[in-house]
Amino acid sequence: MPKRILQGTVTSDKNEQTVTVLVERRFTHPVLKKTIRKSKKYRAHDANNQFKTGDAVRIQECAPISKTKRWEVVTDAS
């Protein structure tokens, strides 16, 4: 099964080797037919502490690294 890749924005880089990434998805409401924005935060592994708050990044699923980290930063999203 392929690993999921998501694109989002770094909202926090205060932890060592960890960034918090906000991923936003848009979809049409099934009844109202209105476009809705939903967001979710993921904690991702950043081994070299190279990403800062505000950076656009891609994250990929991986084996659990800690209690809350199941994602790793792949590259910049630019």
Protein backbone atom coordinates (compact mmCIF):
# COMPACT_ATOMS: atom_id res chain seq x y z
CA MET A 1 0.00 0.00 0.00
CA PRO A 2 1.47 3.39 -0.95
CA LYS A 3 2.32 5.90 1.74
CA ARG A 4 0.12 8.97 1.94
CA ILE A 5 1.74 12.33 1.20
CA LEU A 6 0.11 15.53 2.49
CA GLN A 7 0.96 19.18 1.97
CA GLY A 8 0.70 21.77 4.70
CA THR A 9 2.23 24.68 6.58
CA VAL A 10 4.55 24.48 9.59
CA THR A 11 2.83 26.09 12.59
CA SER A 12 5.39 25.23 15.28
CA ASP A 13 9.06 24.26 15.36
CA LYS A 14 9.74 24.61 19.08
CA ASN A 15 10.36 20.91 19.75
CA GLU A 16 13.65 19.21 18.96
CA GLN A 17 13.47 17.29 15.66
CA THR A 18 9.69 17.83 15.45
CA VAL A 19 7.47 20.24 13.55
CA THR A 20 3.71 20.68 13.76
CA VAL A 21 2.13 20.86 10.30
CA LEU A 22 -1.36 22.22 9.60
CA VAL A 23 -2.96 20.41 6.66
CA GLU A 24 -6.10 21.94 5.16
CA ARG A 25 -8.54 20.09 2.96
CA ARG A 26 -11.46 21.46 0.97
CA PHE A 27 -14.57 19.59 -0.04
CA THR A 28 -18.15 20.25 -1.09
CA HIS A 29 -20.84 19.69 1.53
CA PRO A 30 -23.11 16.88 0.32
CA VAL A 31 -26.39 18.67 1.09
CA LEU A 32 -25.59 22.39 1.08
CA LYS A 33 -23.20 22.20 -1.93
CA LYS A 34 -21.00 24.75 -0.20
CA THR A 35 -17.19 24.47 -0.18
CA ILE A 36 -15.98 23.72 3.34
CA ARG A 37 -12.44 24.04 4.70
CA LYS A 38 -11.34 21.59 7.38
CA SER A 39 -7.89 21.48 8.91
CA LYS A 40 -5.92 19.04 11.01
CA LYS A 41 -2.54 19.23 12.71
CA TYR A 42 0.09 16.53 12.36
CA ARG A 43 3.38 16.21 14.23
CA ALA A 44 6.17 15.29 11.83
CA HIS A 45 9.81 14.25 12.25
CA ASP A 46 12.33 16.88 11.11
CA ALA A 47 15.74 15.28 11.72
CA ASN A 48 17.89 18.34 10.96
CA ASN A 49 15.62 21.06 12.42
CA GLN A 50 15.71 22.79 9.02
CA PHE A 51 12.06 23.87 8.70
CA LYS A 52 10.75 26.98 10.42
CA THR A 53 7.28 28.35 11.17
CA GLY A 54 5.47 29.41 8.00
CA ASP A 55 7.30 27.03 5.64
CA ALA A 56 5.20 25.01 3.18
CA VAL A 57 6.19 21.34 3.43
CA ARG A 58 5.18 17.85 2.31
CA ILE A 59 4.86 15.11 4.92
CA GLN A 60 4.78 11.35 4.40
CA GLU A 61 3.50 8.48 6.52
CA CYS A 62 6.12 6.41 8.32
CA ALA A 63 6.47 3.90 11.14
CA PRO A 64 5.81 5.37 14.61
CA ILE A 65 8.78 7.43 15.79
CA SER A 66 7.31 8.48 19.15
CA LYS A 67 3.94 8.51 20.94
CA THR A 68 2.53 11.22 18.65
CA LYS A 69 4.79 11.17 15.56
CA ARG A 70 3.72 9.00 12.62
CA TRP A 71 4.80 11.36 9.84
CA GLU A 72 8.12 12.62 8.48
CA VAL A 73 8.91 15.76 6.51
CA VAL A 74 9.88 14.87 2.93
CA THR A 75 10.70 18.19 1.22
CA ASP A 76 9.63 21.77 0.71
CA ALA A 77 6.28 22.06 -1.05
CA SER A 78 7.56 24.78 -3.37
